[in-house]
């Protein structure tokens, strides 16, 4: 059974940093694409960052240069290091994967609030 569990969200001040983690299980993690997405109140879910099994990364325009996605295949973990946070980064952040089928799986999300 595929499971994705996010953690690391919270309240942070503008210009601060936060690291999100996503623990994955139930599939061959090292061979699978992983991604972070976010959804702010009243807005559609949007791409934050993705990372392939080979380590190639892609970022949404609004986070380029501020966020970094990484993965640890030995631990079945994917991370999102967020820096220079802005109030507009406030959202629920979701971990996503697509496995053979194709089947798409989402975690339950973790809330990030950027506010002074």
PDB file of N, CA and C in Angstrom:
ATOM      1  N   UNK A   1       0.846  -1.179   0.000  1.00  0.00           N
ATOM      2  CA  UNK A   1       0.000   0.000   0.000  1.00  0.00           C
ATOM      3  C   UNK A   1       0.890   1.240   0.000  1.00  0.00           C
ATOM      4  N   UNK A   2       0.664   2.098  -0.988  1.00  0.00           N
ATOM      5  CA  UNK A   2       1.463   3.313  -1.102  1.00  0.00           C
ATOM      6  C   UNK A   2       1.048   4.308  -0.033  1.00  0.00           C
ATOM      7  N   UNK A   3       2.032   4.842   0.669  1.00  0.00           N
ATOM      8  CA  UNK A   3       1.772   5.880   1.662  1.00  0.00           C
ATOM      9  C   UNK A   3       2.803   6.988   1.533  1.00  0.00           C
ATOM     10  N   UNK A   4       2.313   8.209   1.647  1.00  0.00           N
ATOM     11  CA  UNK A   4       3.158   9.390   1.663  1.00  0.00           C
ATOM     12  C   UNK A   4       2.772  10.205   2.894  1.00  0.00           C
ATOM     13  N   UNK A   5       3.740  10.510   3.736  1.00  0.00           N
ATOM     14  CA  UNK A   5       3.455  11.244   4.967  1.00  0.00           C
ATOM     15  C   UNK A   5       4.375  12.450   5.044  1.00  0.00           C
ATOM     16  N   UNK A   6       3.763  13.636   4.994  1.00  0.00           N
ATOM     17  CA  UNK A   6       4.521  14.881   5.063  1.00  0.00           C
ATOM     18  C   UNK A   6       4.700  15.318   6.515  1.00  0.00           C
ATOM     19  N   UNK A   7       5.775  16.054   6.755  1.00  0.00           N
ATOM     20  CA  UNK A   7       6.019  16.640   8.067  1.00  0.00           C
ATOM     21  C   UNK A   7       6.915  17.853   7.893  1.00  0.00           C
ATOM     22  N   UNK A   8       7.003  18.647   8.967  1.00  0.00           N
ATOM     23  CA  UNK A   8       7.913  19.782   8.967  1.00  0.00           C
ATOM     24  C   UNK A   8       7.268  21.133   8.773  1.00  0.00           C
ATOM     25  N   UNK A   9       5.973  21.158   8.537  1.00  0.00           N
ATOM     26  CA  UNK A   9       5.303  22.441   8.368  1.00  0.00           C
ATOM     27  C   UNK A   9       5.195  23.203   9.676  1.00  0.00           C
ATOM     28  N   UNK A  10       4.762  24.449   9.579  1.00  0.00           N
ATOM     29  CA  UNK A  10       4.604  25.260  10.775  1.00  0.00           C
ATOM     30  C   UNK A  10       4.513  26.723  10.444  1.00  0.00           C
ATOM     31  N   UNK A  11       4.654  27.546  11.476  1.00  0.00           N
ATOM     32  CA  UNK A  11       4.618  28.995  11.334  1.00  0.00           C
ATOM     33  C   UNK A  11       6.049  29.529  11.276  1.00  0.00           C
ATOM     34  N   UNK A  12       6.323  30.346  10.295  1.00  0.00           N
ATOM     35  CA  UNK A  12       7.658  30.914  10.132  1.00  0.00           C
ATOM     36  C   UNK A  12       7.515  32.375   9.723  1.00  0.00           C
ATOM     37  N   UNK A  13       8.479  33.179  10.119  1.00  0.00           N
ATOM     38  CA  UNK A  13       8.440  34.597   9.765  1.00  0.00           C
ATOM     39  C   UNK A  13       8.916  34.811   8.332  1.00  0.00           C
ATOM     40  N   UNK A  14       8.475  35.883   7.705  1.00  0.00           N
ATOM     41  CA  UNK A  14       8.977  36.211   6.363  1.00  0.00           C
ATOM     42  C   UNK A  14      10.499  36.266   6.364  1.00  0.00           C
ATOM     43  N   UNK A  15      11.081  35.772   5.285  1.00  0.00           N
ATOM     44  CA  UNK A  15      12.535  35.656   5.085  1.00  0.00           C
ATOM     45  C   UNK A  15      13.132  34.465   5.817  1.00  0.00           C
ATOM     46  N   UNK A  16      12.310  33.732   6.533  1.00  0.00           N
ATOM     47  CA  UNK A  16      12.801  32.568   7.255  1.00  0.00           C
ATOM     48  C   UNK A  16      12.913  31.336   6.378  1.00  0.00           C
ATOM     49  N   UNK A  17      13.304  30.233   7.030  1.00  0.00           N
ATOM     50  CA  UNK A  17      13.501  28.969   6.316  1.00  0.00           C
ATOM     51  C   UNK A  17      12.754  27.849   7.021  1.00  0.00           C
ATOM     52  N   UNK A  18      12.474  26.813   6.238  1.00  0.00           N
ATOM     53  CA  UNK A  18      11.774  25.647   6.760  1.00  0.00           C
ATOM     54  C   UNK A  18      12.116  24.469   5.872  1.00  0.00           C
ATOM     55  N   UNK A  19      12.199  23.269   6.442  1.00  0.00           N
ATOM     56  CA  UNK A  19      12.436  22.077   5.639  1.00  0.00           C
ATOM     57  C   UNK A  19      11.284  21.110   5.829  1.00  0.00           C
ATOM     58  N   UNK A  20      10.671  20.754   4.725  1.00  0.00           N
ATOM     59  CA  UNK A  20       9.612  19.759   4.732  1.00  0.00           C
ATOM     60  C   UNK A  20      10.185  18.394   4.383  1.00  0.00           C
ATOM     61  N   UNK A  21       9.567  17.365   4.957  1.00  0.00           N
ATOM     62  CA  UNK A  21       9.969  15.994   4.672  1.00  0.00           C
ATOM     63  C   UNK A  21       8.750  15.188   4.229  1.00  0.00           C
ATOM     64  N   UNK A  22       9.007  14.215   3.377  1.00  0.00           N
ATOM     65  CA  UNK A  22       7.956  13.302   2.946  1.00  0.00           C
ATOM     66  C   UNK A  22       8.502  11.876   3.051  1.00  0.00           C
ATOM     67  N   UNK A  23       7.883  11.084   3.903  1.00  0.00           N
ATOM     68  CA  UNK A  23       8.272   9.683   4.071  1.00  0.00           C
ATOM     69  C   UNK A  23       7.398   8.822   3.170  1.00  0.00           C
ATOM     70  N   UNK A  24       8.035   8.028   2.320  1.00  0.00           N
ATOM     71  CA  UNK A  24       7.318   7.210   1.350  1.00  0.00           C
ATOM     72  C   UNK A  24       7.451   5.727   1.672  1.00  0.00           C
ATOM     73  N   UNK A  25       6.414   4.973   1.379  1.00  0.00           N
ATOM     74  CA  UNK A  25       6.453   3.529   1.575  1.00  0.00           C
ATOM     75  C   UNK A  25       5.456   2.854   0.641  1.00  0.00           C
ATOM     76  N   UNK A  26       5.678   1.555   0.432  1.00  0.00           N
ATOM     77  CA  UNK A  26       4.742   0.782  -0.368  1.00  0.00           C
ATOM     78  C   UNK A  26       5.070   0.681  -1.843  1.00  0.00           C
ATOM     79  N   UNK A  27       6.227   1.217  -2.256  1.00  0.00           N
ATOM     80  CA  UNK A  27       6.625   1.108  -3.651  1.00  0.00           C
ATOM     81  C   UNK A  27       8.141   1.228  -3.723  1.00  0.00           C
ATOM     82  N   UNK A  28       8.688   0.972  -4.922  1.00  0.00           N
ATOM     83  CA  UNK A  28      10.140   1.039  -5.117  1.00  0.00           C
ATOM     84  C   UNK A  28      10.539   2.496  -5.274  1.00  0.00           C
ATOM     85  N   UNK A  29      10.872   3.117  -4.161  1.00  0.00           N
ATOM     86  CA  UNK A  29      11.065   4.557  -4.107  1.00  0.00           C
ATOM     87  C   UNK A  29      12.128   5.040  -5.074  1.00  0.00           C
ATOM     88  N   UNK A  30      13.231   4.348  -5.161  1.00  0.00           N
ATOM     89  CA  UNK A  30      14.385   4.856  -5.913  1.00  0.00           C
ATOM     90  C   UNK A  30      14.109   5.002  -7.403  1.00  0.00           C
ATOM     91  N   UNK A  31      13.107   4.317  -7.917  1.00  0.00           N
ATOM     92  CA  UNK A  31      12.842   4.345  -9.355  1.00  0.00           C
ATOM     93  C   UNK A  31      11.671   5.241  -9.725  1.00  0.00           C
ATOM     94  N   UNK A  32      11.210   6.025  -8.795  1.00  0.00           N
ATOM     95  CA  UNK A  32       9.961   6.766  -9.000  1.00  0.00           C
ATOM     96  C   UNK A  32      10.161   8.269  -8.882  1.00  0.00           C
ATOM     97  N   UNK A  33       9.428   8.979  -9.736  1.00  0.00           N
ATOM     98  CA  UNK A  33       9.342  10.427  -9.670  1.00  0.00           C
ATOM     99  C   UNK A  33       8.629  10.854  -8.382  1.00  0.00           C
ATOM    100  N   UNK A  34       9.097  11.945  -7.783  1.00  0.00           N
ATOM    101  CA  UNK A  34       8.461  12.505  -6.593  1.00  0.00           C
ATOM    102  C   UNK A  34       8.267  14.003  -6.798  1.00  0.00           C
ATOM    103  N   UNK A  35       7.249  14.549  -6.151  1.00  0.00           N
ATOM    104  CA  UNK A  35       7.016  15.974  -6.308  1.00  0.00           C
ATOM    105  C   UNK A  35       6.392  16.605  -5.083  1.00  0.00           C
ATOM    106  N   UNK A  36       6.576  17.907  -4.982  1.00  0.00           N
ATOM    107  CA  UNK A  36       5.910  18.742  -3.982  1.00  0.00           C
ATOM    108  C   UNK A  36       4.978  19.705  -4.703  1.00  0.00           C
ATOM    109  N   UNK A  37       3.778  19.804  -4.177  1.00  0.00           N
ATOM    110  CA  UNK A  37       2.783  20.733  -4.701  1.00  0.00           C
ATOM    111  C   UNK A  37       2.209  21.498  -3.522  1.00  0.00           C
ATOM    112  N   UNK A  38       1.526  22.596  -3.794  1.00  0.00           N
ATOM    113  CA  UNK A  38       0.923  23.353  -2.706  1.00  0.00           C
ATOM    114  C   UNK A  38      -0.429  23.919  -3.144  1.00  0.00           C
ATOM    115  N   UNK A  39      -1.238  24.182  -2.135  1.00  0.00           N
ATOM    116  CA  UNK A  39      -2.556  24.758  -2.405  1.00  0.00           C
ATOM    117  C   UNK A  39      -2.871  25.787  -1.328  1.00  0.00           C
ATOM    118  N   UNK A  40      -3.049  27.017  -1.756  1.00  0.00           N
ATOM    119  CA  UNK A  40      -3.424  28.104  -0.864  1.00  0.00           C
ATOM    120  C   UNK A  40      -4.947  28.224  -0.860  1.00  0.00           C
ATOM    121  N   UNK A  41      -5.516  28.809   0.181  1.00  0.00           N
ATOM    122  CA  UNK A  41      -6.971  28.949   0.256  1.00  0.00           C
ATOM    123  C   UNK A  41      -7.521  29.696  -0.962  1.00  0.00           C
ATOM    124  N   UNK A  42      -8.531  29.121  -1.584  1.00  0.00           N
ATOM    125  CA  UNK A  42      -9.164  29.758  -2.731  1.00  0.00           C
ATOM    126  C   UNK A  42      -8.407  29.638  -4.031  1.00  0.00           C
ATOM    127  N   UNK A  43      -7.302  28.906  -4.024  1.00  0.00           N
ATOM    128  CA  UNK A  43      -6.484  28.762  -5.233  1.00  0.00           C
ATOM    129  C   UNK A  43      -6.363  27.296  -5.620  1.00  0.00           C
ATOM    130  N   UNK A  44      -5.980  27.079  -6.881  1.00  0.00           N
ATOM    131  CA  UNK A  44      -5.768  25.721  -7.352  1.00  0.00           C
ATOM    132  C   UNK A  44      -4.416  25.188  -6.840  1.00  0.00           C
ATOM    133  N   UNK A  45      -4.334  23.871  -6.781  1.00  0.00           N
ATOM    134  CA  UNK A  45      -3.066  23.248  -6.398  1.00  0.00           C
ATOM    135  C   UNK A  45      -2.038  23.520  -7.494  1.00  0.00           C
ATOM    136  N   UNK A  46      -0.814  23.860  -7.090  1.00  0.00           N
ATOM    137  CA  UNK A  46       0.215  24.206  -8.063  1.00  0.00           C
ATOM    138  C   UNK A  46       1.508  23.470  -7.794  1.00  0.00           C
ATOM    139  N   UNK A  47       2.282  23.326  -8.866  1.00  0.00           N
ATOM    140  CA  UNK A  47       3.579  22.677  -8.779  1.00  0.00           C
ATOM    141  C   UNK A  47       4.549  23.531  -7.959  1.00  0.00           C
ATOM    142  N   UNK A  48       5.263  22.891  -7.055  1.00  0.00           N
ATOM    143  CA  UNK A  48       6.367  23.550  -6.358  1.00  0.00           C
ATOM    144  C   UNK A  48       7.693  23.043  -6.920  1.00  0.00           C
ATOM    145  N   UNK A  49       7.884  21.717  -6.863  1.00  0.00           N
ATOM    146  CA  UNK A  49       9.132  21.143  -7.347  1.00  0.00           C
ATOM    147  C   UNK A  49       8.954  19.647  -7.582  1.00  0.00           C
ATOM    148  N   UNK A  50       9.721  19.125  -8.534  1.00  0.00           N
ATOM    149  CA  UNK A  50       9.725  17.689  -8.777  1.00  0.00           C
ATOM    150  C   UNK A  50      11.157  17.197  -8.892  1.00  0.00           C
ATOM    151  N   UNK A  51      11.326  15.901  -8.653  1.00  0.00           N
ATOM    152  CA  UNK A  51      12.647  15.291  -8.787  1.00  0.00           C
ATOM    153  C   UNK A  51      12.468  13.888  -9.358  1.00  0.00           C
ATOM    154  N   UNK A  52      13.264  13.575 -10.375  1.00  0.00           N
ATOM    155  CA  UNK A  52      13.162  12.257 -10.988  1.00  0.00           C
ATOM    156  C   UNK A  52      14.011  11.245 -10.228  1.00  0.00           C
ATOM    157  N   UNK A  53      13.905   9.999 -10.641  1.00  0.00           N
ATOM    158  CA  UNK A  53      14.706   8.948 -10.011  1.00  0.00           C
ATOM    159  C   UNK A  53      16.195   9.198 -10.218  1.00  0.00           C
ATOM    160  N   UNK A  54      16.536   9.885 -11.313  1.00  0.00           N
ATOM    161  CA  UNK A  54      17.948  10.185 -11.600  1.00  0.00           C
ATOM    162  C   UNK A  54      18.422  11.454 -10.917  1.00  0.00           C
ATOM    163  N   UNK A  55      17.504  12.148 -10.257  1.00  0.00           N
ATOM    164  CA  UNK A  55      17.890  13.351  -9.538  1.00  0.00           C
ATOM    165  C   UNK A  55      17.693  14.648 -10.295  1.00  0.00           C
ATOM    166  N   UNK A  56      17.103  14.593 -11.470  1.00  0.00           N
ATOM    167  CA  UNK A  56      16.826  15.822 -12.203  1.00  0.00           C
ATOM    168  C   UNK A  56      15.668  16.558 -11.538  1.00  0.00           C
ATOM    169  N   UNK A  57      15.806  17.869 -11.442  1.00  0.00           N
ATOM    170  CA  UNK A  57      14.813  18.664 -10.719  1.00  0.00           C
ATOM    171  C   UNK A  57      14.131  19.682 -11.620  1.00  0.00           C
ATOM    172  N   UNK A  58      12.943  20.077 -11.187  1.00  0.00           N
ATOM    173  CA  UNK A  58      12.160  21.084 -11.887  1.00  0.00           C
ATOM    174  C   UNK A  58      11.422  21.895 -10.829  1.00  0.00           C
ATOM    175  N   UNK A  59      11.322  23.218 -11.042  1.00  0.00           N
ATOM    176  CA  UNK A  59      10.705  24.092 -10.051  1.00  0.00           C
ATOM    177  C   UNK A  59       9.650  24.986 -10.669  1.00  0.00           C
ATOM    178  N   UNK A  60       8.645  25.304  -9.853  1.00  0.00           N
ATOM    179  CA  UNK A  60       7.693  26.311 -10.270  1.00  0.00           C
ATOM    180  C   UNK A  60       8.376  27.669 -10.303  1.00  0.00           C
ATOM    181  N   UNK A  61       7.904  28.543 -11.181  1.00  0.00           N
ATOM    182  CA  UNK A  61       8.561  29.832 -11.353  1.00  0.00           C
ATOM    183  C   UNK A  61       8.610  30.644 -10.066  1.00  0.00           C
ATOM    184  N   UNK A  62       7.579  30.537  -9.246  1.00  0.00           N
ATOM    185  CA  UNK A  62       7.498  31.372  -8.047  1.00  0.00           C
ATOM    186  C   UNK A  62       8.478  30.956  -6.953  1.00  0.00           C
ATOM    187  N   UNK A  63       9.083  29.779  -7.062  1.00  0.00           N
ATOM    188  CA  UNK A  63       9.984  29.314  -6.001  1.00  0.00           C
ATOM    189  C   UNK A  63      11.422  29.118  -6.476  1.00  0.00           C
ATOM    190  N   UNK A  64      11.664  29.306  -7.760  1.00  0.00           N
ATOM    191  CA  UNK A  64      13.023  29.111  -8.290  1.00  0.00           C
ATOM    192  C   UNK A  64      14.014  30.003  -7.570  1.00  0.00           C
ATOM    193  N   UNK A  65      15.137  29.397  -7.188  1.00  0.00           N
ATOM    194  CA  UNK A  65      16.172  30.133  -6.498  1.00  0.00           C
ATOM    195  C   UNK A  65      15.974  30.234  -4.996  1.00  0.00           C
ATOM    196  N   UNK A  66      14.802  29.822  -4.506  1.00  0.00           N
ATOM    197  CA  UNK A  66      14.526  29.906  -3.066  1.00  0.00           C
ATOM    198  C   UNK A  66      14.304  28.521  -2.453  1.00  0.00           C
ATOM    199  N   UNK A  67      13.753  27.607  -3.211  1.00  0.00           N
ATOM    200  CA  UNK A  67      13.443  26.256  -2.710  1.00  0.00           C
ATOM    201  C   UNK A  67      14.361  25.237  -3.379  1.00  0.00           C
ATOM    202  N   UNK A  68      14.650  24.171  -2.644  1.00  0.00           N
ATOM    203  CA  UNK A  68      15.461  23.085  -3.181  1.00  0.00           C
ATOM    204  C   UNK A  68      14.831  21.743  -2.812  1.00  0.00           C
ATOM    205  N   UNK A  69      14.588  20.920  -3.823  1.00  0.00           N
ATOM    206  CA  UNK A  69      14.064  19.578  -3.597  1.00  0.00           C
ATOM    207  C   UNK A  69      15.222  18.586  -3.626  1.00  0.00           C
ATOM    208  N   UNK A  70      15.154  17.583  -2.764  1.00  0.00           N
ATOM    209  CA  UNK A  70      16.185  16.551  -2.755  1.00  0.00           C
ATOM    210  C   UNK A  70      15.556  15.235  -2.306  1.00  0.00           C
ATOM    211  N   UNK A  71      16.277  14.161  -2.485  1.00  0.00           N
ATOM    212  CA  UNK A  71      15.762  12.861  -2.086  1.00  0.00           C
ATOM    213  C   UNK A  71      16.883  12.011  -1.502  1.00  0.00           C
ATOM    214  N   UNK A  72      16.505  11.119  -0.607  1.00  0.00           N
ATOM    215  CA  UNK A  72      17.422  10.155  -0.016  1.00  0.00           C
ATOM    216  C   UNK A  72      16.820   8.783  -0.276  1.00  0.00           C
ATOM    217  N   UNK A  73      17.324   8.106  -1.295  1.00  0.00           N
ATOM    218  CA  UNK A  73      16.743   6.824  -1.688  1.00  0.00           C
ATOM    219  C   UNK A  73      16.961   5.739  -0.628  1.00  0.00           C
ATOM    220  N   UNK A  74      18.006   5.861   0.155  1.00  0.00           N
ATOM    221  CA  UNK A  74      18.266   4.874   1.199  1.00  0.00           C
ATOM    222  C   UNK A  74      17.227   4.951   2.316  1.00  0.00           C
ATOM    223  N   UNK A  75      16.668   6.150   2.503  1.00  0.00           N
ATOM    224  CA  UNK A  75      15.686   6.351   3.572  1.00  0.00           C
ATOM    225  C   UNK A  75      14.254   6.483   3.057  1.00  0.00           C
ATOM    226  N   UNK A  76      14.080   6.406   1.730  1.00  0.00           N
ATOM    227  CA  UNK A  76      12.748   6.601   1.129  1.00  0.00           C
ATOM    228  C   UNK A  76      12.147   7.941   1.540  1.00  0.00           C
ATOM    229  N   UNK A  77      12.963   8.984   1.433  1.00  0.00           N
ATOM    230  CA  UNK A  77      12.534  10.311   1.843  1.00  0.00           C
ATOM    231  C   UNK A  77      12.755  11.309   0.713  1.00  0.00           C
ATOM    232  N   UNK A  78      11.866  12.284   0.646  1.00  0.00           N
ATOM    233  CA  UNK A  78      12.070  13.433  -0.230  1.00  0.00           C
ATOM    234  C   UNK A  78      11.898  14.678   0.629  1.00  0.00           C
ATOM    235  N   UNK A  79      12.708  15.684   0.354  1.00  0.00           N
ATOM    236  CA  UNK A  79      12.747  16.888   1.170  1.00  0.00           C
ATOM    237  C   UNK A  79      12.482  18.122   0.319  1.00  0.00           C
ATOM    238  N   UNK A  80      12.016  19.161   0.989  1.00  0.00           N
ATOM    239  CA  UNK A  80      11.879  20.466   0.356  1.00  0.00           C
ATOM    240  C   UNK A  80      12.459  21.498   1.298  1.00  0.00           C
ATOM    241  N   UNK A  81      13.632  22.009   0.943  1.00  0.00           N
ATOM    242  CA  UNK A  81      14.245  23.075   1.721  1.00  0.00           C
ATOM    243  C   UNK A  81      13.729  24.394   1.189  1.00  0.00           C
ATOM    244  N   UNK A  82      13.095  25.168   2.055  1.00  0.00           N
ATOM    245  CA  UNK A  82      12.486  26.439   1.654  1.00  0.00           C
ATOM    246  C   UNK A  82      13.205  27.573   2.359  1.00  0.00           C
ATOM    247  N   UNK A  83      13.662  28.538   1.593  1.00  0.00           N
ATOM    248  CA  UNK A  83      14.367  29.689   2.140  1.00  0.00           C
ATOM    249  C   UNK A  83      13.734  30.970   1.609  1.00  0.00           C
ATOM    250  N   UNK A  84      14.087  32.086   2.254  1.00  0.00           N
ATOM    251  CA  UNK A  84      13.550  33.393   1.848  1.00  0.00           C
ATOM    252  C   UNK A  84      12.032  33.330   1.691  1.00  0.00           C
ATOM    253  N   UNK A  85      11.396  32.745   2.671  1.00  0.00           N
ATOM    254  CA  UNK A  85       9.948  32.535   2.585  1.00  0.00           C
ATOM    255  C   UNK A  85       9.191  33.861   2.583  1.00  0.00           C
ATOM    256  N   UNK A  86       8.094  33.850   1.832  1.00  0.00           N
ATOM    257  CA  UNK A  86       7.244  35.026   1.689  1.00  0.00           C
ATOM    258  C   UNK A  86       5.828  34.691   2.158  1.00  0.00           C
ATOM    259  N   UNK A  87       5.049  35.682   2.540  1.00  0.00           N
ATOM    260  CA  UNK A  87       3.666  35.395   2.940  1.00  0.00           C
ATOM    261  C   UNK A  87       2.885  34.643   1.869  1.00  0.00           C
ATOM    262  N   UNK A  88       3.195  34.892   0.610  1.00  0.00           N
ATOM    263  CA  UNK A  88       2.480  34.204  -0.467  1.00  0.00           C
ATOM    264  C   UNK A  88       2.875  32.736  -0.605  1.00  0.00           C
ATOM    265  N   UNK A  89       3.850  32.295   0.153  1.00  0.00           N
ATOM    266  CA  UNK A  89       4.186  30.862   0.194  1.00  0.00           C
ATOM    267  C   UNK A  89       3.273  30.102   1.151  1.00  0.00           C
ATOM    268  N   UNK A  90       2.443  30.811   1.878  1.00  0.00           N
ATOM    269  CA  UNK A  90       1.515  30.175   2.800  1.00  0.00           C
ATOM    270  C   UNK A  90       0.561  29.261   2.042  1.00  0.00           C
ATOM    271  N   UNK A  91       0.517  27.996   2.443  1.00  0.00           N
ATOM    272  CA  UNK A  91      -0.301  26.997   1.746  1.00  0.00           C
ATOM    273  C   UNK A  91      -0.186  25.663   2.466  1.00  0.00           C
ATOM    274  N   UNK A  92      -1.000  24.736   2.057  1.00  0.00           N
ATOM    275  CA  UNK A  92      -0.804  23.340   2.445  1.00  0.00           C
ATOM    276  C   UNK A  92       0.090  22.709   1.389  1.00  0.00           C
ATOM    277  N   UNK A  93       1.159  22.085   1.836  1.00  0.00           N
ATOM    278  CA  UNK A  93       2.131  21.473   0.938  1.00  0.00           C
ATOM    279  C   UNK A  93       1.918  19.961   0.907  1.00  0.00           C
ATOM    280  N   UNK A  94       1.841  19.440  -0.310  1.00  0.00           N
ATOM    281  CA  UNK A  94       1.548  18.021  -0.518  1.00  0.00           C
ATOM    282  C   UNK A  94       2.692  17.326  -1.239  1.00  0.00           C
ATOM    283  N   UNK A  95       2.919  16.109  -0.857  1.00  0.00           N
ATOM    284  CA  UNK A  95       3.868  15.225  -1.521  1.00  0.00           C
ATOM    285  C   UNK A  95       3.086  14.366  -2.510  1.00  0.00           C
ATOM    286  N   UNK A  96       3.672  14.123  -3.671  1.00  0.00           N
ATOM    287  CA  UNK A  96       2.977  13.376  -4.723  1.00  0.00           C
ATOM    288  C   UNK A  96       3.934  12.390  -5.383  1.00  0.00           C
ATOM    289  N   UNK A  97       3.390  11.235  -5.782  1.00  0.00           N
ATOM    290  CA  UNK A  97       4.151  10.328  -6.618  1.00  0.00           C
ATOM    291  C   UNK A  97       3.220   9.688  -7.643  1.00  0.00           C
ATOM    292  N   UNK A  98       3.806   9.197  -8.700  1.00  0.00           N
ATOM    293  CA  UNK A  98       3.061   8.475  -9.731  1.00  0.00           C
ATOM    294  C   UNK A  98       3.769   7.146  -9.931  1.00  0.00           C
ATOM    295  N   UNK A  99       3.050   6.055  -9.705  1.00  0.00           N
ATOM    296  CA  UNK A  99       3.649   4.727  -9.850  1.00  0.00           C
ATOM    297  C   UNK A  99       3.048   4.033 -11.067  1.00  0.00           C
ATOM    298  N   UNK A 100       3.629   2.883 -11.401  1.00  0.00           N
ATOM    299  CA  UNK A 100       3.199   2.144 -12.593  1.00  0.00           C
ATOM    300  C   UNK A 100       1.698   1.922 -12.561  1.00  0.00           C
ATOM    301  N   UNK A 101       1.062   2.174 -13.719  1.00  0.00           N
ATOM    302  CA  UNK A 101      -0.391   2.010 -13.813  1.00  0.00           C
ATOM    303  C   UNK A 101      -0.952   2.854 -14.942  1.00  0.00           C
ATOM    304  N   UNK A 102      -0.836   4.178 -14.929  1.00  0.00           N
ATOM    305  CA  UNK A 102      -0.210   4.923 -13.820  1.00  0.00           C
ATOM    306  C   UNK A 102      -1.213   5.272 -12.727  1.00  0.00           C
ATOM    307  N   UNK A 103      -0.719   5.283 -11.514  1.00  0.00           N
ATOM    308  CA  UNK A 103      -1.556   5.659 -10.390  1.00  0.00           C
ATOM    309  C   UNK A 103      -0.884   6.816  -9.653  1.00  0.00           C
ATOM    310  N   UNK A 104      -1.668   7.816  -9.327  1.00  0.00           N
ATOM    311  CA  UNK A 104      -1.178   8.990  -8.623  1.00  0.00           C
ATOM    312  C   UNK A 104      -1.563   8.920  -7.159  1.00  0.00           C
ATOM    313  N   UNK A 105      -0.587   9.205  -6.307  1.00  0.00           N
ATOM    314  CA  UNK A 105      -0.828   9.194  -4.867  1.00  0.00           C
ATOM    315  C   UNK A 105      -0.409  10.528  -4.276  1.00  0.00           C
ATOM    316  N   UNK A 106      -1.192  10.972  -3.305  1.00  0.00           N
ATOM    317  CA  UNK A 106      -0.916  12.208  -2.584  1.00  0.00           C
ATOM    318  C   UNK A 106      -0.843  11.928  -1.086  1.00  0.00           C
ATOM    319  N   UNK A 107      -0.006  12.692  -0.403  1.00  0.00           N
ATOM    320  CA  UNK A 107      -0.043  12.688   1.038  1.00  0.00           C
ATOM    321  C   UNK A 107      -1.178  13.564   1.535  1.00  0.00           C
ATOM    322  N   UNK A 108      -1.330  13.653   2.857  1.00  0.00           N
ATOM    323  CA  UNK A 108      -2.412  14.459   3.425  1.00  0.00           C
ATOM    324  C   UNK A 108      -2.047  15.925   3.516  1.00  0.00           C
ATOM    325  N   UNK A 109      -0.789  16.237   3.389  1.00  0.00           N
ATOM    326  CA  UNK A 109      -0.365  17.625   3.398  1.00  0.00           C
ATOM    327  C   UNK A 109       0.128  18.105   4.745  1.00  0.00           C
ATOM    328  N   UNK A 110       0.917  19.178   4.688  1.00  0.00           N
ATOM    329  CA  UNK A 110       1.400  19.836   5.899  1.00  0.00           C
ATOM    330  C   UNK A 110       1.263  21.343   5.695  1.00  0.00           C
ATOM    331  N   UNK A 111       0.767  22.024   6.706  1.00  0.00           N
ATOM    332  CA  UNK A 111       0.483  23.456   6.591  1.00  0.00           C
ATOM    333  C   UNK A 111       1.758  24.270   6.811  1.00  0.00           C
ATOM    334  N   UNK A 112       1.996  25.197   5.908  1.00  0.00           N
ATOM    335  CA  UNK A 112       3.076  26.175   6.063  1.00  0.00           C
ATOM    336  C   UNK A 112       2.442  27.559   6.099  1.00  0.00           C
ATOM    337  N   UNK A 113       2.728  28.299   7.158  1.00  0.00           N
ATOM    338  CA  UNK A 113       2.207  29.651   7.292  1.00  0.00           C
ATOM    339  C   UNK A 113       3.377  30.606   7.467  1.00  0.00           C
ATOM    340  N   UNK A 114       3.447  31.592   6.577  1.00  0.00           N
ATOM    341  CA  UNK A 114       4.511  32.591   6.636  1.00  0.00           C
ATOM    342  C   UNK A 114       3.878  33.909   7.062  1.00  0.00           C
ATOM    343  N   UNK A 115       4.210  34.326   8.261  1.00  0.00           N
ATOM    344  CA  UNK A 115       3.573  35.516   8.810  1.00  0.00           C
ATOM    345  C   UNK A 115       4.419  36.071   9.950  1.00  0.00           C
ATOM    346  N   UNK A 116       4.374  37.379  10.103  1.00  0.00           N
ATOM    347  CA  UNK A 116       5.072  38.018  11.219  1.00  0.00           C
ATOM    348  C   UNK A 116       4.111  38.192  12.391  1.00  0.00           C
TER     349      UNK A 116
END
